[in-house]
Amino acid sequence: MKALVWNRPGKPESLEFTELADPVAGPGEIKVKVIASGLNPVDYKVALNGHPAWVYPFVPGVDVAGEVVELGEGVSKWQIGDRVVYHGDLARPGGFAEYSVTTAHTVARIPEGISFVEAAAFPCAGLTAYQALFRKMHIREGQSILIHAGAGGVGGYAIQLAKLAGASIILTTASQKSMEHVKDLGADIGIDYNKEDVYSRVKEITGGSGVDLILNSLNRATAQEDLNVLKFGGQLACIAGAPEIVADFQPSTKSFTLHKLMLGGAHGSGIREAEEELAAMADEFMALMLEKKIKSMMSEIITMEQLPDALTRLSKRHVIGKLVLLL
């Protein structure tokens, strides 16, 4: 099969085209003909230093949508030709190839009315946002929320989900060129992180009280600063690193809950329920898409030849929405 691989740890531009043997579905697994694969920051971030479980040449790409072409021993839920989507195991070869293999119980069925490209655009980013807001923070109507990086995949889906949940005010950080985009998604106020002090603005907007919820997909440093603008009893969900100082942070005046998110960590956790939750959340997410309550966020379709450059653009934060590889 044709594939785009890393032959060693490196940057996106070091990806190489090659021919690999077709993978084979083992017990409890399915083999999928890849039709579309979403691009995500994790695809290039982990590659910089490699992963201890990777065997080179390694095929990246954690988000896959396609058709089932082979059933492993013991698989009864799926049939050949079924349209499926999944968030794959980062430790295993992914979707930047003609075929990919994954565990059958972590896969969701793509309903009629949702294309392969639309499906491939949501798993990593969309399910991270969904898990943060509905499984971890349990967002309620009337709560306020700050969503970092609203023009990105996680942020963009989170804005839509917060709007759907009835948030009282949705604040998001974005560059000036992305302001119209994030407001179209449902953000009430965009804060230009290039020109404004984000946390002074949050305090100003909230009258000094801060926000109920914060979703941080940036880094530890900003997550630490987030603690200063959380309301008493607020919640902070972190994707790219939790605050370094939590226990000693103003214990007499602050009460908050910290959630550390690792969507793909369900794979290989040894907890079947955690793995199956990936498929369950995908089913729920696509139901919202069918009802036109959530947009797919797909902003650009690319080819295999364009993929290295597309990942480079993504790494430099030059992308609005989601990039999807169409094979």
Protein backbone atom coordinates (compact mmCIF):
# COMPACT_ATOMS: atom_id res chain seq x y z
CA MET A 1 0.00 0.00 0.00
CA LYS A 2 1.00 3.63 -0.47
CA ALA A 3 1.85 5.44 2.74
CA LEU A 4 3.45 8.57 4.12
CA VAL A 5 5.89 7.69 6.89
CA TRP A 6 8.52 8.86 9.29
CA ASN A 7 11.71 6.82 9.01
CA ARG A 8 13.05 8.48 12.14
CA PRO A 9 11.94 11.21 14.59
CA GLY A 10 11.68 14.57 12.86
CA LYS A 11 9.67 17.50 11.60
CA PRO A 12 6.77 17.31 9.08
CA GLU A 13 9.05 18.01 6.13
CA SER A 14 10.93 14.78 6.84
CA LEU A 15 7.86 12.68 6.00
CA GLU A 16 8.53 10.32 3.08
CA PHE A 17 6.38 8.45 0.57
CA THR A 18 6.84 4.69 0.44
CA GLU A 19 5.21 1.33 -0.27
CA LEU A 20 4.39 -0.87 2.72
CA ALA A 21 2.82 -4.29 3.09
CA ASP A 22 -0.92 -4.13 3.74
CA PRO A 23 -1.72 -4.48 7.47
CA VAL A 24 -3.73 -7.49 8.66
CA ALA A 25 -6.56 -7.39 11.19
CA GLY A 26 -5.82 -9.43 14.29
CA PRO A 27 -8.30 -10.80 16.86
CA GLY A 28 -10.82 -8.14 17.85
CA GLU A 29 -9.63 -5.78 15.13
CA ILE A 30 -10.87 -4.43 11.81
CA LYS A 31 -8.97 -3.36 8.72
CA VAL A 32 -10.19 -0.13 7.16
CA LYS A 33 -9.67 1.25 3.67
CA VAL A 34 -8.79 4.84 4.50
CA ILE A 35 -10.81 7.40 2.58
CA ALA A 36 -10.10 10.47 4.71
CA SER A 37 -7.82 11.29 7.62
CA GLY A 38 -7.83 14.41 9.79
CA LEU A 39 -4.64 16.32 10.61
CA ASN A 40 -3.90 17.15 14.25
CA PRO A 41 -1.08 18.79 16.24
CA VAL A 42 -0.36 15.48 17.96
CA ASP A 43 0.63 14.04 14.58
CA TYR A 44 3.72 16.26 14.39
CA LYS A 45 4.37 16.96 18.08
CA VAL A 46 5.04 13.36 19.03
CA ALA A 47 7.11 12.79 15.89
CA LEU A 48 9.72 15.33 16.97
CA ASN A 49 11.11 12.90 19.55
CA GLY A 50 9.35 9.74 18.47
CA HIS A 51 7.28 7.33 20.54
CA PRO A 52 8.74 4.37 22.44
CA ALA A 53 6.22 2.00 20.83
CA TRP A 54 6.88 3.10 17.23
CA VAL A 55 8.60 0.78 14.79
CA TYR A 56 10.00 2.63 11.78
CA PRO A 57 8.95 3.29 9.10
CA PHE A 58 5.92 4.58 11.03
CA VAL A 59 2.61 5.79 9.57
CA PRO A 60 1.09 8.73 11.52
CA GLY A 61 -2.51 9.99 11.50
CA VAL A 62 -4.80 9.39 14.50
CA ASP A 63 -8.12 10.36 12.86
CA VAL A 64 -9.47 7.92 10.27
CA ALA A 65 -12.68 7.58 8.26
CA GLY A 66 -13.21 4.81 5.76
CA GLU A 67 -14.76 1.45 4.88
CA VAL A 68 -14.31 -1.87 6.66
CA VAL A 69 -12.53 -4.34 4.36
CA GLU A 70 -11.47 -7.09 6.78
CA LEU A 71 -12.70 -8.50 10.07
CA GLY A 72 -10.40 -10.02 12.64
CA GLU A 73 -11.25 -13.13 14.64
CA GLY A 74 -14.13 -12.59 17.06
CA VAL A 75 -15.49 -9.40 15.45
CA SER A 76 -19.26 -9.59 14.98
CA LYS A 77 -20.46 -5.98 15.29
CA TRP A 78 -19.08 -4.88 11.91
CA GLN A 79 -19.51 -6.05 8.35
CA ILE A 80 -17.44 -5.60 5.21
CA GLY A 81 -18.39 -2.26 3.60
CA ASP A 82 -19.48 -0.51 6.80
CA ARG A 83 -18.64 3.20 6.92
CA VAL A 84 -16.67 3.93 10.10
CA VAL A 85 -14.68 6.63 11.87
CA TYR A 86 -12.33 6.45 14.82
CA HIS A 87 -9.69 8.14 16.92
CA GLY A 88 -6.78 5.73 16.70
CA ASP A 89 -4.12 4.60 19.11
CA LEU A 90 -1.14 6.98 18.84
CA ALA A 91 1.20 4.08 19.50
CA ARG A 92 0.02 2.21 16.39
CA PRO A 93 0.27 3.00 12.65
CA GLY A 94 -2.41 5.46 11.60
CA GLY A 95 -4.36 6.88 8.69
CA PHE A 96 -1.82 8.48 6.36
CA ALA A 97 -1.91 5.33 4.24
CA GLU A 98 -4.30 3.35 2.05
CA TYR A 99 -5.22 0.93 4.86
CA SER A 100 -5.20 1.01 8.64
CA VAL A 101 -6.05 -1.44 11.43
CA THR A 102 -7.71 -0.63 14.74
CA THR A 103 -9.64 -2.23 17.59
CA ALA A 104 -13.25 -2.92 16.63
CA HIS A 105 -14.78 -1.69 19.89
CA THR A 106 -13.33 1.85 19.60
CA VAL A 107 -14.96 2.53 16.21
CA ALA A 108 -18.19 4.42 15.44
CA ARG A 109 -20.51 4.05 12.47
CA ILE A 110 -20.78 7.02 10.11
CA PRO A 111 -24.49 7.67 9.54
CA GLU A 112 -25.95 8.61 6.18
CA GLY A 113 -25.83 12.37 5.82
CA ILE A 114 -22.23 12.70 7.05
CA SER A 115 -19.41 12.41 4.53
CA PHE A 116 -16.08 10.69 5.12
CA VAL A 117 -14.35 14.07 5.03
CA GLU A 118 -16.71 15.57 7.62
CA ALA A 119 -16.27 12.52 9.83
CA ALA A 120 -12.47 12.58 9.61
CA ALA A 121 -12.41 16.22 10.72
CA PHE A 122 -13.76 15.67 14.23
CA PRO A 123 -12.42 12.74 16.31
CA CYS A 124 -9.27 14.08 18.00
CA ALA A 125 -10.33 17.73 18.26
CA GLY A 126 -14.08 17.32 18.52
CA LEU A 127 -14.06 14.49 21.06
CA THR A 128 -11.46 16.29 23.17
CA ALA A 129 -13.76 19.32 23.36
CA TYR A 130 -16.79 17.10 23.95
CA GLN A 131 -15.07 15.14 26.71
CA ALA A 132 -13.86 18.33 28.40
CA LEU A 133 -17.20 20.11 28.41
CA PHE A 134 -19.67 17.27 28.91
CA ARG A 135 -17.77 14.39 30.51
CA LYS A 136 -15.37 16.31 32.76
CA MET A 137 -16.67 19.83 33.51
CA HIS A 138 -20.35 18.97 32.97
CA ILE A 139 -21.10 22.43 31.60
CA ARG A 140 -24.49 23.84 32.62
CA GLU A 141 -26.73 26.48 31.16
CA GLY A 142 -25.82 29.93 32.43
CA GLN A 143 -22.14 29.24 33.10
CA SER A 144 -19.38 31.41 31.66
CA ILE A 145 -16.39 29.92 29.84
CA LEU A 146 -12.99 30.95 28.47
CA ILE A 147 -11.83 28.84 25.53
CA HIS A 148 -8.25 29.30 24.42
CA ALA A 149 -7.32 29.11 20.72
CA GLY A 150 -10.86 29.37 19.41
CA ALA A 151 -9.82 29.24 15.76
CA GLY A 152 -8.22 25.81 16.17
CA GLY A 153 -9.90 22.43 16.06
CA VAL A 154 -10.45 21.86 19.79
CA GLY A 155 -11.33 25.49 20.43
CA GLY A 156 -13.69 25.75 17.49
CA TYR A 157 -15.65 22.66 18.46
CA ALA A 158 -15.68 23.78 22.11
CA ILE A 159 -17.20 27.15 21.19
CA GLN A 160 -20.02 25.40 19.35
CA LEU A 161 -20.63 22.94 22.19
CA ALA A 162 -20.62 25.71 24.81
CA LYS A 163 -23.16 27.64 22.76
CA LEU A 164 -25.28 24.52 22.46
CA ALA A 165 -25.12 24.01 26.23
CA GLY A 166 -26.42 27.53 26.88
CA ALA A 167 -23.29 29.19 28.25
CA SER A 168 -24.02 32.70 29.50
CA ILE A 169 -20.90 34.15 27.90
CA ILE A 170 -18.25 32.52 25.73
CA LEU A 171 -14.84 34.20 25.69
CA THR A 172 -12.11 32.98 23.38
CA THR A 173 -8.57 33.93 22.42
CA ALA A 174 -7.71 34.32 18.74
CA SER A 175 -5.65 36.42 16.35
CA GLN A 176 -7.30 39.39 14.68
CA LYS A 177 -7.65 37.54 11.36
CA SER A 178 -9.70 34.83 13.10
CA MET A 179 -12.13 37.06 15.00
CA GLU A 180 -14.96 36.83 12.49
CA HIS A 181 -14.53 33.06 12.31
CA VAL A 182 -14.75 32.46 16.08
CA LYS A 183 -17.76 34.74 16.39
CA ASP A 184 -19.49 32.88 13.57
CA LEU A 185 -18.98 29.71 15.61
CA GLY A 186 -20.72 31.28 18.60
CA ALA A 187 -18.11 33.15 20.65
CA ASP A 188 -19.49 36.26 22.34
CA ILE A 189 -16.16 38.04 22.77
CA GLY A 190 -12.84 37.39 21.06
CA ILE A 191 -9.64 38.50 22.79
CA ASP A 192 -6.69 39.21 20.51
CA TYR A 193 -3.80 37.51 22.29
CA ASN A 194 -1.29 39.39 20.11
CA LYS A 195 -2.46 42.83 21.19
CA GLU A 196 -4.27 42.41 24.50
CA ASP A 197 -3.45 41.11 27.94
CA VAL A 198 -5.81 38.12 27.96
CA TYR A 199 -6.24 37.88 31.71
CA SER A 200 -6.75 41.61 32.28
CA ARG A 201 -9.45 41.51 29.62
CA VAL A 202 -11.16 38.51 31.22
CA LYS A 203 -11.23 40.28 34.58
CA GLU A 204 -12.52 43.45 32.94
CA ILE A 205 -15.27 41.62 31.05
CA THR A 206 -16.39 39.65 34.12
CA GLY A 207 -16.19 42.53 36.57
CA GLY A 208 -13.30 40.88 38.35
CA SER A 209 -15.20 37.69 39.24
CA GLY A 210 -13.63 35.49 36.54
CA VAL A 211 -15.24 32.64 34.63
CA ASP A 212 -16.82 29.37 35.69
CA LEU A 213 -14.96 27.19 33.19
CA ILE A 214 -11.72 27.33 31.20
CA LEU A 215 -10.54 25.01 28.42
CA ASN A 216 -6.79 25.30 27.84
CA SER A 217 -5.16 23.58 24.85
CA LEU A 218 -1.99 25.70 24.90
CA ASN A 219 0.63 24.97 27.58
CA ARG A 220 1.48 24.86 31.28
CA ALA A 221 2.36 28.56 31.53
CA THR A 222 -1.05 29.78 30.37
CA ALA A 223 -2.78 27.10 32.42
CA GLN A 224 -1.04 28.52 35.49
CA GLU A 225 -2.29 32.01 34.62
CA ASP A 226 -5.79 30.63 34.10
CA LEU A 227 -6.09 29.95 37.82
CA ASN A 228 -6.16 33.71 38.42
CA VAL A 229 -9.36 34.18 36.42
CA LEU A 230 -11.36 31.21 37.67
CA LYS A 231 -14.40 31.92 39.79
CA PHE A 232 -14.58 30.35 43.22
CA GLY A 233 -15.57 26.74 42.56
CA GLY A 234 -14.56 27.00 38.90
CA GLN A 235 -13.11 24.29 36.70
CA LEU A 236 -10.03 24.18 34.46
CA ALA A 237 -9.56 21.48 31.81
CA CYS A 238 -6.03 21.15 30.39
CA ILE A 239 -4.92 19.32 27.27
CA ALA A 240 -1.29 20.38 26.77
CA GLY A 241 -0.07 20.50 30.37
CA ALA A 242 -1.54 21.29 33.76
CA PRO A 243 -0.48 24.17 36.02
CA GLU A 244 2.78 23.44 37.81
CA ILE A 245 1.60 24.95 41.09
CA VAL A 246 -1.85 23.88 42.22
CA ALA A 247 -1.85 22.79 45.86
CA ASP A 248 -0.37 26.06 47.15
CA PHE A 249 -2.31 28.38 44.87
CA GLN A 250 -4.18 30.82 47.13
CA PRO A 251 -5.79 28.05 49.20
CA SER A 252 -7.72 30.47 51.39
CA THR A 253 -9.47 32.24 48.53
CA LYS A 254 -9.67 29.73 45.71
CA SER A 255 -11.61 26.53 45.26
CA PHE A 256 -11.44 24.91 41.85
CA THR A 257 -11.36 21.59 40.06
CA LEU A 258 -8.58 20.62 37.67
CA HIS A 259 -9.13 18.15 34.81
CA LYS A 260 -6.19 16.74 32.84
CA LEU A 261 -7.33 15.43 29.47
CA MET A 262 -5.73 12.71 27.37
CA LEU A 263 -8.30 11.47 24.90
CA GLY A 264 -6.08 8.88 23.24
CA GLY A 265 -4.92 7.59 26.60
CA ALA A 266 -7.96 5.32 26.61
CA HIS A 267 -6.19 3.07 24.11
CA GLY A 268 -4.12 0.50 25.93
CA SER A 269 -5.40 1.62 29.32
CA GLY A 270 -6.58 -1.88 29.99
CA ILE A 271 -10.00 -0.46 30.85
CA ARG A 272 -12.52 -1.66 28.29
CA GLU A 273 -15.11 0.92 29.33
CA ALA A 274 -12.65 3.77 28.71
CA GLU A 275 -11.86 2.43 25.24
CA GLU A 276 -15.52 1.95 24.35
CA GLU A 277 -16.22 5.50 25.52
CA LEU A 278 -14.35 6.75 22.45
CA ALA A 279 -16.95 5.13 20.19
CA ALA A 280 -19.86 6.22 22.39
CA MET A 281 -18.78 9.87 22.33
CA ALA A 282 -18.29 9.71 18.57
CA ASP A 283 -21.86 8.42 18.16
CA GLU A 284 -23.20 11.27 20.29
CA PHE A 285 -21.08 13.83 18.47
CA MET A 286 -22.24 12.71 15.02
CA ALA A 287 -25.85 12.81 16.19
CA LEU A 288 -25.34 16.52 16.88
CA MET A 289 -23.76 16.94 13.44
CA LEU A 290 -26.75 15.26 11.80
CA GLU A 291 -29.07 17.66 13.60
CA LYS A 292 -26.96 20.56 12.25
CA LYS A 293 -26.12 21.63 15.79
CA ILE A 294 -22.37 21.19 15.21
CA LYS A 295 -20.35 22.11 12.12
CA SER A 296 -17.59 19.76 11.02
CA MET A 297 -14.91 22.51 11.10
CA MET A 298 -13.37 21.09 7.91
CA SER A 299 -11.68 24.06 6.22
CA GLU A 300 -9.41 22.48 3.60
CA ILE A 301 -9.03 19.16 1.78
CA ILE A 302 -5.48 18.14 0.92
CA THR A 303 -3.75 15.37 -1.03
CA MET A 304 -0.97 13.03 0.11
CA GLU A 305 1.55 15.17 -1.77
CA GLN A 306 0.41 18.26 0.12
CA LEU A 307 0.40 16.62 3.55
CA PRO A 308 3.96 17.44 4.75
CA ASP A 309 3.46 21.13 3.93
CA ALA A 310 0.01 21.09 5.53
CA LEU A 311 1.41 19.70 8.79
CA THR A 312 4.11 22.37 8.72
CA ARG A 313 1.46 25.08 8.36
CA LEU A 314 -0.48 23.52 11.22
CA SER A 315 2.63 23.53 13.41
CA LYS A 316 3.09 27.25 12.76
CA ARG A 317 -0.53 27.98 13.68
CA HIS A 318 -1.33 29.20 10.18
CA VAL A 319 -4.52 27.14 9.95
CA ILE A 320 -8.12 28.00 10.77
CA GLY A 321 -10.41 25.02 11.31
CA LYS A 322 -9.49 21.47 10.30
CA LEU A 323 -7.36 20.10 7.48
CA VAL A 324 -8.41 16.73 6.08
CA LEU A 325 -6.44 14.35 3.87
CA LEU A 326 -8.54 12.78 1.11
CA LEU A 327 -7.06 9.64 -0.40
